[in-house]
Amino acid sequence: MNYENIRLEHDGGVTRVIIDRPPLNAVSLGLLEDILHALAALASRDETRCIVLMGAGHKAFSAGADLKSASSDPGASTTFRDLGRAVLDAIETHPKPVVAAIRGWCIGGGFAIAMAADIRIASDTAKFRTADAYIGVVPSWGMSLTRLAHFIGRNRCMDMLMLGEDTSAAAAQDLGLLTSVTPDDAFDEEVERVSRRLASGAPIVFKSIKEAVRAQYWDTPADARDLEAKWSDFNARSRDYQEGRAAFAEKRPPVFTGI
């Protein structure tokens, strides 16, 4: 399918979902709809084993909401909020690993999308901003006021949201927001390395990790424990479990199929 606001590139087990709304990849209703559709399609695409979310060009992963084209109609605002929440949920609950590859500006809704990813790799050019208080907007996608405190703690969350100042890639890594920061000239190579590694992992195990970790803060630790047991029992009956054991004994890389 052709999309208006994103491009999909397939390369082996890795699919790149590229936000392509020049000049700064601002978030619109259409972009959110495209991302949702693409994620749903990729969930059932067997060839895709890892998804990389990234922005086109070097200026921005996404510089936040497209306020110039945003409607002042309360109904449109509610739709925008609901779609934003749906995208974050789709990323967190997607059955496959999702990597955010962040270059340049990552602001507002772009920040929310990137932080929902399982792995977050940044170029040293990346800059983050959560300054909704200074444009009179209550962040409502379930990231800044919901997830962020679980990710980095109450005090650091308050610092980011209330001061609304630019945060460098190095500072964001110190806060625990990023998996790694890479010099820009090595950024593409690092994204490739990480995504290839994830594409080689066991799909059933990735599903168990994503569900149980999300349950730790979205539900309860008891729910996470139940999911752990459920997935452990399921995996023990899988071909991948036998393949992992055989590959370890034979000292060779395993070939997982998700079955």
C-alpha atoms as a PDB file:
ATOM      1  CA  MET A   1       0.000   0.000   0.000  1.00  0.00           C
ATOM      2  CA  ASN A   2       1.108   3.544  -0.738  1.00  0.00           C
ATOM      3  CA  TYR A   3       0.985   6.049   2.127  1.00  0.00           C
ATOM      4  CA  GLU A   4       0.891   9.831   2.025  1.00  0.00           C
ATOM      5  CA  ASN A   5       2.963  10.500   5.143  1.00  0.00           C
ATOM      6  CA  ILE A   6       5.291   7.527   5.572  1.00  0.00           C
ATOM      7  CA  ARG A   7       7.465   5.249   3.477  1.00  0.00           C
ATOM      8  CA  LEU A   8       8.081   1.550   4.120  1.00  0.00           C
ATOM      9  CA  GLU A   9      11.376  -0.086   3.220  1.00  0.00           C
ATOM     10  CA  HIS A  10      11.845  -3.840   3.599  1.00  0.00           C
ATOM     11  CA  ASP A  11      15.337  -5.293   3.898  1.00  0.00           C
ATOM     12  CA  GLY A  12      15.493  -8.912   4.970  1.00  0.00           C
ATOM     13  CA  GLY A  13      13.849  -9.218   8.378  1.00  0.00           C
ATOM     14  CA  VAL A  14      13.907  -5.472   9.019  1.00  0.00           C
ATOM     15  CA  THR A  15      11.179  -3.042   7.943  1.00  0.00           C
ATOM     16  CA  ARG A  16      11.763   0.693   8.205  1.00  0.00           C
ATOM     17  CA  VAL A  17       8.738   2.921   8.745  1.00  0.00           C
ATOM     18  CA  ILE A  18       9.979   6.347   7.679  1.00  0.00           C
ATOM     19  CA  ILE A  19       8.044   9.475   8.655  1.00  0.00           C
ATOM     20  CA  ASP A  20       8.205  11.615   5.526  1.00  0.00           C
ATOM     21  CA  ARG A  21       6.568  15.020   6.017  1.00  0.00           C
ATOM     22  CA  PRO A  22       9.173  17.647   5.151  1.00  0.00           C
ATOM     23  CA  PRO A  23      10.659  19.763   6.433  1.00  0.00           C
ATOM     24  CA  LEU A  24      10.411  18.511  10.046  1.00  0.00           C
ATOM     25  CA  ASN A  25       8.138  15.445   9.902  1.00  0.00           C
ATOM     26  CA  ALA A  26       5.384  17.113  11.925  1.00  0.00           C
ATOM     27  CA  VAL A  27       2.608  14.892  13.264  1.00  0.00           C
ATOM     28  CA  SER A  28      -0.794  15.131  11.579  1.00  0.00           C
ATOM     29  CA  LEU A  29      -3.981  13.079  11.734  1.00  0.00           C
ATOM     30  CA  GLY A  30      -3.008  11.492   8.437  1.00  0.00           C
ATOM     31  CA  LEU A  31       0.427  10.530   9.728  1.00  0.00           C
ATOM     32  CA  LEU A  32      -1.031   8.842  12.805  1.00  0.00           C
ATOM     33  CA  GLU A  33      -3.517   6.943  10.639  1.00  0.00           C
ATOM     34  CA  ASP A  34      -0.724   5.818   8.304  1.00  0.00           C
ATOM     35  CA  ILE A  35       1.453   4.597  11.185  1.00  0.00           C
ATOM     36  CA  LEU A  36      -1.449   2.675  12.712  1.00  0.00           C
ATOM     37  CA  HIS A  37      -2.262   1.001   9.408  1.00  0.00           C
ATOM     38  CA  ALA A  38       1.376   0.110   8.748  1.00  0.00           C
ATOM     39  CA  LEU A  39       1.910  -1.373  12.208  1.00  0.00           C
ATOM     40  CA  ALA A  40      -1.213  -3.514  11.854  1.00  0.00           C
ATOM     41  CA  ALA A  41      -0.074  -4.769   8.453  1.00  0.00           C
ATOM     42  CA  LEU A  42       3.440  -5.540   9.672  1.00  0.00           C
ATOM     43  CA  ALA A  43       2.120  -7.546  12.619  1.00  0.00           C
ATOM     44  CA  SER A  44       0.997 -10.238  10.181  1.00  0.00           C
ATOM     45  CA  ARG A  45       3.901  -9.915   7.736  1.00  0.00           C
ATOM     46  CA  ASP A  46       6.017 -12.977   8.488  1.00  0.00           C
ATOM     47  CA  GLU A  47       9.099 -11.607   6.727  1.00  0.00           C
ATOM     48  CA  THR A  48       9.235  -8.619   9.088  1.00  0.00           C
ATOM     49  CA  ARG A  49      10.975  -9.527  12.336  1.00  0.00           C
ATOM     50  CA  CYS A  50      11.929  -6.026  13.510  1.00  0.00           C
ATOM     51  CA  ILE A  51      10.498  -2.557  12.824  1.00  0.00           C
ATOM     52  CA  VAL A  52      12.523   0.650  12.756  1.00  0.00           C
ATOM     53  CA  LEU A  53      10.649   3.949  13.171  1.00  0.00           C
ATOM     54  CA  MET A  54      12.601   6.907  11.849  1.00  0.00           C
ATOM     55  CA  GLY A  55      12.255  10.327  10.298  1.00  0.00           C
ATOM     56  CA  ALA A  56      13.210  11.200   6.732  1.00  0.00           C
ATOM     57  CA  GLY A  57      16.235  13.443   6.406  1.00  0.00           C
ATOM     58  CA  HIS A  58      18.593  14.650   9.112  1.00  0.00           C
ATOM     59  CA  LYS A  59      16.637  17.552  10.608  1.00  0.00           C
ATOM     60  CA  ALA A  60      14.065  15.738  12.749  1.00  0.00           C
ATOM     61  CA  PHE A  61      12.642  12.441  13.832  1.00  0.00           C
ATOM     62  CA  SER A  62       9.516  14.557  14.319  1.00  0.00           C
ATOM     63  CA  ALA A  63       9.197  18.126  15.532  1.00  0.00           C
ATOM     64  CA  GLY A  64       5.807  17.498  17.144  1.00  0.00           C
ATOM     65  CA  ALA A  65       2.258  18.289  16.144  1.00  0.00           C
ATOM     66  CA  ASP A  66       1.537  20.134  12.919  1.00  0.00           C
ATOM     67  CA  LEU A  67      -0.053  23.101  14.683  1.00  0.00           C
ATOM     68  CA  LYS A  68      -0.362  25.149  11.491  1.00  0.00           C
ATOM     69  CA  SER A  69      -2.799  22.680   9.982  1.00  0.00           C
ATOM     70  CA  ALA A  70      -4.482  21.655  13.239  1.00  0.00           C
ATOM     71  CA  SER A  71      -8.186  22.367  13.541  1.00  0.00           C
ATOM     72  CA  SER A  72      -9.522  24.386  16.472  1.00  0.00           C
ATOM     73  CA  ASP A  73     -12.618  22.176  16.490  1.00  0.00           C
ATOM     74  CA  PRO A  74     -12.812  20.286  19.828  1.00  0.00           C
ATOM     75  CA  GLY A  75     -13.909  17.162  17.979  1.00  0.00           C
ATOM     76  CA  ALA A  76     -10.778  17.165  15.834  1.00  0.00           C
ATOM     77  CA  SER A  77      -8.658  17.693  18.940  1.00  0.00           C
ATOM     78  CA  THR A  78     -10.242  14.645  20.562  1.00  0.00           C
ATOM     79  CA  THR A  79      -9.632  12.566  17.437  1.00  0.00           C
ATOM     80  CA  PHE A  80      -5.975  13.662  17.405  1.00  0.00           C
ATOM     81  CA  ARG A  81      -5.609  12.659  21.057  1.00  0.00           C
ATOM     82  CA  ASP A  82      -7.274   9.287  20.528  1.00  0.00           C
ATOM     83  CA  LEU A  83      -5.140   8.490  17.494  1.00  0.00           C
ATOM     84  CA  GLY A  84      -1.981   9.497  19.353  1.00  0.00           C
ATOM     85  CA  ARG A  85      -2.874   7.192  22.209  1.00  0.00           C
ATOM     86  CA  ALA A  86      -3.660   4.404  19.764  1.00  0.00           C
ATOM     87  CA  VAL A  87      -0.254   4.742  18.088  1.00  0.00           C
ATOM     88  CA  LEU A  88       1.593   4.524  21.409  1.00  0.00           C
ATOM     89  CA  ASP A  89      -0.419   1.482  22.422  1.00  0.00           C
ATOM     90  CA  ALA A  90       0.170  -0.127  19.023  1.00  0.00           C
ATOM     91  CA  ILE A  91       3.930   0.307  19.391  1.00  0.00           C
ATOM     92  CA  GLU A  92       4.040  -1.033  22.963  1.00  0.00           C
ATOM     93  CA  THR A  93       1.776  -4.006  22.237  1.00  0.00           C
ATOM     94  CA  HIS A  94       3.154  -4.830  18.792  1.00  0.00           C
ATOM     95  CA  PRO A  95       4.262  -8.462  18.639  1.00  0.00           C
ATOM     96  CA  LYS A  96       7.608  -7.503  17.079  1.00  0.00           C
ATOM     97  CA  PRO A  97      10.496  -5.416  18.419  1.00  0.00           C
ATOM     98  CA  VAL A  98      10.191  -1.731  17.529  1.00  0.00           C
ATOM     99  CA  VAL A  99      13.264   0.499  17.348  1.00  0.00           C
ATOM    100  CA  ALA A 100      13.092   4.297  17.293  1.00  0.00           C
ATOM    101  CA  ALA A 101      16.032   5.704  15.308  1.00  0.00           C
ATOM    102  CA  ILE A 102      16.204   9.342  16.381  1.00  0.00           C
ATOM    103  CA  ARG A 103      18.084  12.007  14.485  1.00  0.00           C
ATOM    104  CA  GLY A 104      17.604  15.746  14.961  1.00  0.00           C
ATOM    105  CA  TRP A 105      14.576  17.214  16.706  1.00  0.00           C
ATOM    106  CA  CYS A 106      12.263  14.932  18.692  1.00  0.00           C
ATOM    107  CA  ILE A 107       9.515  17.079  20.178  1.00  0.00           C
ATOM    108  CA  GLY A 108       6.007  16.703  21.615  1.00  0.00           C
ATOM    109  CA  GLY A 109       4.107  13.986  19.756  1.00  0.00           C
ATOM    110  CA  GLY A 110       7.342  12.884  18.110  1.00  0.00           C
ATOM    111  CA  PHE A 111       8.888  12.459  21.556  1.00  0.00           C
ATOM    112  CA  ALA A 112       5.887  10.392  22.673  1.00  0.00           C
ATOM    113  CA  ILE A 113       6.116   8.086  19.649  1.00  0.00           C
ATOM    114  CA  ALA A 114       9.867   7.591  20.023  1.00  0.00           C
ATOM    115  CA  MET A 115       9.712   6.868  23.765  1.00  0.00           C
ATOM    116  CA  ALA A 116       7.055   4.186  23.247  1.00  0.00           C
ATOM    117  CA  ALA A 117       9.530   2.140  21.195  1.00  0.00           C
ATOM    118  CA  ASP A 118      11.237  -0.871  22.754  1.00  0.00           C
ATOM    119  CA  ILE A 119      14.747   0.283  21.803  1.00  0.00           C
ATOM    120  CA  ARG A 120      15.676   3.948  21.294  1.00  0.00           C
ATOM    121  CA  ILE A 121      18.876   4.765  19.422  1.00  0.00           C
ATOM    122  CA  ALA A 122      19.842   8.404  18.971  1.00  0.00           C
ATOM    123  CA  SER A 123      22.350  10.264  16.872  1.00  0.00           C
ATOM    124  CA  ASP A 124      24.379  12.753  18.841  1.00  0.00           C
ATOM    125  CA  THR A 125      22.484  15.397  16.845  1.00  0.00           C
ATOM    126  CA  ALA A 126      19.204  14.481  18.545  1.00  0.00           C
ATOM    127  CA  LYS A 127      17.445  17.054  20.731  1.00  0.00           C
ATOM    128  CA  PHE A 128      14.352  16.459  22.840  1.00  0.00           C
ATOM    129  CA  ARG A 129      11.726  18.875  24.104  1.00  0.00           C
ATOM    130  CA  THR A 130       8.547  18.457  26.160  1.00  0.00           C
ATOM    131  CA  ALA A 131       7.439  22.069  26.438  1.00  0.00           C
ATOM    132  CA  ASP A 132       3.654  21.717  26.157  1.00  0.00           C
ATOM    133  CA  ALA A 133       3.187  24.066  29.124  1.00  0.00           C
ATOM    134  CA  TYR A 134       4.710  26.865  27.055  1.00  0.00           C
ATOM    135  CA  ILE A 135       2.272  26.483  24.173  1.00  0.00           C
ATOM    136  CA  GLY A 136      -0.780  25.991  26.395  1.00  0.00           C
ATOM    137  CA  VAL A 137      -1.365  22.304  25.624  1.00  0.00           C
ATOM    138  CA  VAL A 138      -2.014  19.469  28.077  1.00  0.00           C
ATOM    139  CA  PRO A 139      -0.072  16.417  26.813  1.00  0.00           C
ATOM    140  CA  SER A 140      -2.703  13.739  26.444  1.00  0.00           C
ATOM    141  CA  TRP A 141      -1.297  10.787  24.519  1.00  0.00           C
ATOM    142  CA  GLY A 142      -0.467   8.754  27.597  1.00  0.00           C
ATOM    143  CA  MET A 143       3.270   9.461  27.553  1.00  0.00           C
ATOM    144  CA  SER A 144       4.316  12.638  29.379  1.00  0.00           C
ATOM    145  CA  LEU A 145       1.601  12.443  32.056  1.00  0.00           C
ATOM    146  CA  THR A 146       1.277   8.667  32.206  1.00  0.00           C
ATOM    147  CA  ARG A 147       4.312   6.634  31.194  1.00  0.00           C
ATOM    148  CA  LEU A 148       7.194   9.047  31.621  1.00  0.00           C
ATOM    149  CA  ALA A 149       7.280   8.982  35.430  1.00  0.00           C
ATOM    150  CA  HIS A 150       7.500   5.170  35.279  1.00  0.00           C
ATOM    151  CA  PHE A 151      10.351   5.438  32.781  1.00  0.00           C
ATOM    152  CA  ILE A 152      12.569   8.001  34.523  1.00  0.00           C
ATOM    153  CA  GLY A 153      11.065   8.706  37.964  1.00  0.00           C
ATOM    154  CA  ARG A 154       8.894  11.478  39.372  1.00  0.00           C
ATOM    155  CA  ASN A 155      11.538  14.183  39.869  1.00  0.00           C
ATOM    156  CA  ARG A 156      13.160  13.875  36.465  1.00  0.00           C
ATOM    157  CA  CYS A 157       9.748  13.768  34.850  1.00  0.00           C
ATOM    158  CA  MET A 158       8.751  17.002  36.604  1.00  0.00           C
ATOM    159  CA  ASP A 159      11.992  18.657  35.511  1.00  0.00           C
ATOM    160  CA  MET A 160      11.390  17.838  31.854  1.00  0.00           C
ATOM    161  CA  LEU A 161       7.702  18.746  31.774  1.00  0.00           C
ATOM    162  CA  MET A 162       7.739  21.874  33.905  1.00  0.00           C
ATOM    163  CA  LEU A 163      10.944  23.465  32.637  1.00  0.00           C
ATOM    164  CA  GLY A 164      10.347  22.400  29.046  1.00  0.00           C
ATOM    165  CA  GLU A 165      13.939  23.009  28.068  1.00  0.00           C
ATOM    166  CA  ASP A 166      15.861  21.334  25.256  1.00  0.00           C
ATOM    167  CA  THR A 167      17.509  18.080  26.264  1.00  0.00           C
ATOM    168  CA  SER A 168      20.580  16.868  24.390  1.00  0.00           C
ATOM    169  CA  ALA A 169      21.036  13.262  23.348  1.00  0.00           C
ATOM    170  CA  ALA A 170      23.707  12.766  26.028  1.00  0.00           C
ATOM    171  CA  ALA A 171      21.460  14.207  28.735  1.00  0.00           C
ATOM    172  CA  ALA A 172      18.518  12.088  27.544  1.00  0.00           C
ATOM    173  CA  GLN A 173      20.690   8.989  27.823  1.00  0.00           C
ATOM    174  CA  ASP A 174      21.701   9.974  31.352  1.00  0.00           C
ATOM    175  CA  LEU A 175      17.992  10.221  32.210  1.00  0.00           C
ATOM    176  CA  GLY A 176      17.462   6.652  30.986  1.00  0.00           C
ATOM    177  CA  LEU A 177      15.396   7.656  27.949  1.00  0.00           C
ATOM    178  CA  LEU A 178      17.795   6.240  25.363  1.00  0.00           C
ATOM    179  CA  THR A 179      19.372   2.868  24.749  1.00  0.00           C
ATOM    180  CA  SER A 180      22.441   4.429  23.166  1.00  0.00           C
ATOM    181  CA  VAL A 181      23.819   7.588  21.563  1.00  0.00           C
ATOM    182  CA  THR A 182      25.997   7.274  18.482  1.00  0.00           C
ATOM    183  CA  PRO A 183      28.073   9.831  16.545  1.00  0.00           C
ATOM    184  CA  ASP A 184      26.035  10.914  13.554  1.00  0.00           C
ATOM    185  CA  ASP A 185      28.489   9.537  11.012  1.00  0.00           C
ATOM    186  CA  ALA A 186      28.092   6.048  12.555  1.00  0.00           C
ATOM    187  CA  PHE A 187      24.353   6.327  13.274  1.00  0.00           C
ATOM    188  CA  ASP A 188      23.015   4.433  10.243  1.00  0.00           C
ATOM    189  CA  GLU A 189      25.485   1.607  10.803  1.00  0.00           C
ATOM    190  CA  GLU A 190      24.465   1.281  14.456  1.00  0.00           C
ATOM    191  CA  VAL A 191      20.749   1.245  13.618  1.00  0.00           C
ATOM    192  CA  GLU A 192      21.473  -1.467  11.060  1.00  0.00           C
ATOM    193  CA  ARG A 193      23.465  -3.524  13.566  1.00  0.00           C
ATOM    194  CA  VAL A 194      20.832  -3.351  16.290  1.00  0.00           C
ATOM    195  CA  SER A 195      17.877  -4.013  14.002  1.00  0.00           C
ATOM    196  CA  ARG A 196      19.621  -7.022  12.431  1.00  0.00           C
ATOM    197  CA  ARG A 197      20.332  -8.425  15.874  1.00  0.00           C
ATOM    198  CA  LEU A 198      16.696  -8.033  16.923  1.00  0.00           C
ATOM    199  CA  ALA A 199      15.503  -9.624  13.681  1.00  0.00           C
ATOM    200  CA  SER A 200      17.520 -12.740  14.557  1.00  0.00           C
ATOM    201  CA  GLY A 201      15.962 -13.196  18.015  1.00  0.00           C
ATOM    202  CA  ALA A 202      13.174 -15.516  19.130  1.00  0.00           C
ATOM    203  CA  PRO A 203       9.759 -13.968  18.293  1.00  0.00           C
ATOM    204  CA  ILE A 204       7.920 -15.777  21.091  1.00  0.00           C
ATOM    205  CA  VAL A 205      10.388 -14.536  23.689  1.00  0.00           C
ATOM    206  CA  PHE A 206      10.122 -10.963  22.418  1.00  0.00           C
ATOM    207  CA  LYS A 207       6.342 -11.151  22.757  1.00  0.00           C
ATOM    208  CA  SER A 208       6.675 -12.376  26.339  1.00  0.00           C
ATOM    209  CA  ILE A 209       9.113  -9.593  27.208  1.00  0.00           C
ATOM    210  CA  LYS A 210       6.916  -6.859  25.759  1.00  0.00           C
ATOM    211  CA  GLU A 211       3.710  -8.066  27.396  1.00  0.00           C
ATOM    212  CA  ALA A 212       5.156  -8.715  30.849  1.00  0.00           C
ATOM    213  CA  VAL A 213       7.195  -5.513  31.064  1.00  0.00           C
ATOM    214  CA  ARG A 214       4.218  -3.406  29.994  1.00  0.00           C
ATOM    215  CA  ALA A 215       2.067  -5.141  32.597  1.00  0.00           C
ATOM    216  CA  GLN A 216       4.498  -4.061  35.337  1.00  0.00           C
ATOM    217  CA  TYR A 217       3.285  -0.465  35.094  1.00  0.00           C
ATOM    218  CA  TRP A 218       0.091  -0.714  33.030  1.00  0.00           C
ATOM    219  CA  ASP A 219      -1.488  -3.436  35.180  1.00  0.00           C
ATOM    220  CA  THR A 220       0.163  -5.008  38.241  1.00  0.00           C
ATOM    221  CA  PRO A 221       3.272  -7.056  39.061  1.00  0.00           C
ATOM    222  CA  ALA A 222       0.935  -9.987  39.699  1.00  0.00           C
ATOM    223  CA  ASP A 223      -0.355  -9.732  36.127  1.00  0.00           C
ATOM    224  CA  ALA A 224       3.236  -9.658  34.894  1.00  0.00           C
ATOM    225  CA  ARG A 225       3.995 -12.806  36.882  1.00  0.00           C
ATOM    226  CA  ASP A 226       0.992 -14.578  35.331  1.00  0.00           C
ATOM    227  CA  LEU A 227       2.106 -13.544  31.858  1.00  0.00           C
ATOM    228  CA  GLU A 228       5.594 -14.825  32.596  1.00  0.00           C
ATOM    229  CA  ALA A 229       4.180 -18.250  33.469  1.00  0.00           C
ATOM    230  CA  LYS A 230       1.840 -18.268  30.475  1.00  0.00           C
ATOM    231  CA  TRP A 231       4.565 -17.476  27.976  1.00  0.00           C
ATOM    232  CA  SER A 232       7.045 -19.852  29.608  1.00  0.00           C
ATOM    233  CA  ASP A 233       4.603 -22.745  29.257  1.00  0.00           C
ATOM    234  CA  PHE A 234       3.754 -21.760  25.689  1.00  0.00           C
ATOM    235  CA  ASN A 235       7.394 -21.430  24.689  1.00  0.00           C
ATOM    236  CA  ALA A 236       8.337 -24.793  26.183  1.00  0.00           C
ATOM    237  CA  ARG A 237       6.077 -26.435  23.589  1.00  0.00           C
ATOM    238  CA  SER A 238       7.483 -24.445  20.661  1.00  0.00           C
ATOM    239  CA  ARG A 239       9.878 -25.468  17.914  1.00  0.00           C
ATOM    240  CA  ASP A 240      11.947 -22.379  18.670  1.00  0.00           C
ATOM    241  CA  TYR A 241      12.619 -23.640  22.183  1.00  0.00           C
ATOM    242  CA  GLN A 242      14.037 -26.867  20.763  1.00  0.00           C
ATOM    243  CA  GLU A 243      15.973 -24.925  18.126  1.00  0.00           C
ATOM    244  CA  GLY A 244      17.545 -22.682  20.753  1.00  0.00           C
ATOM    245  CA  ARG A 245      18.701 -25.639  22.828  1.00  0.00           C
ATOM    246  CA  ALA A 246      20.034 -27.482  19.775  1.00  0.00           C
ATOM    247  CA  ALA A 247      21.876 -24.432  18.468  1.00  0.00           C
ATOM    248  CA  PHE A 248      23.491 -23.838  21.851  1.00  0.00           C
ATOM    249  CA  ALA A 249      24.674 -27.459  22.045  1.00  0.00           C
ATOM    250  CA  GLU A 250      25.949 -27.385  18.466  1.00  0.00           C
ATOM    251  CA  LYS A 251      27.615 -23.977  18.926  1.00  0.00           C
ATOM    252  CA  ARG A 252      25.856 -22.392  15.970  1.00  0.00           C
ATOM    253  CA  PRO A 253      23.523 -19.415  15.539  1.00  0.00           C
ATOM    254  CA  PRO A 254      19.883 -20.414  16.042  1.00  0.00           C
ATOM    255  CA  VAL A 255      17.340 -19.998  13.268  1.00  0.00           C
ATOM    256  CA  PHE A 256      14.060 -18.993  14.904  1.00  0.00           C
ATOM    257  CA  THR A 257      10.731 -19.055  13.076  1.00  0.00           C
ATOM    258  CA  GLY A 258       8.259 -17.984  15.753  1.00  0.00           C
ATOM    259  CA  ILE A 259       6.637 -21.401  15.885  1.00  0.00           C
END
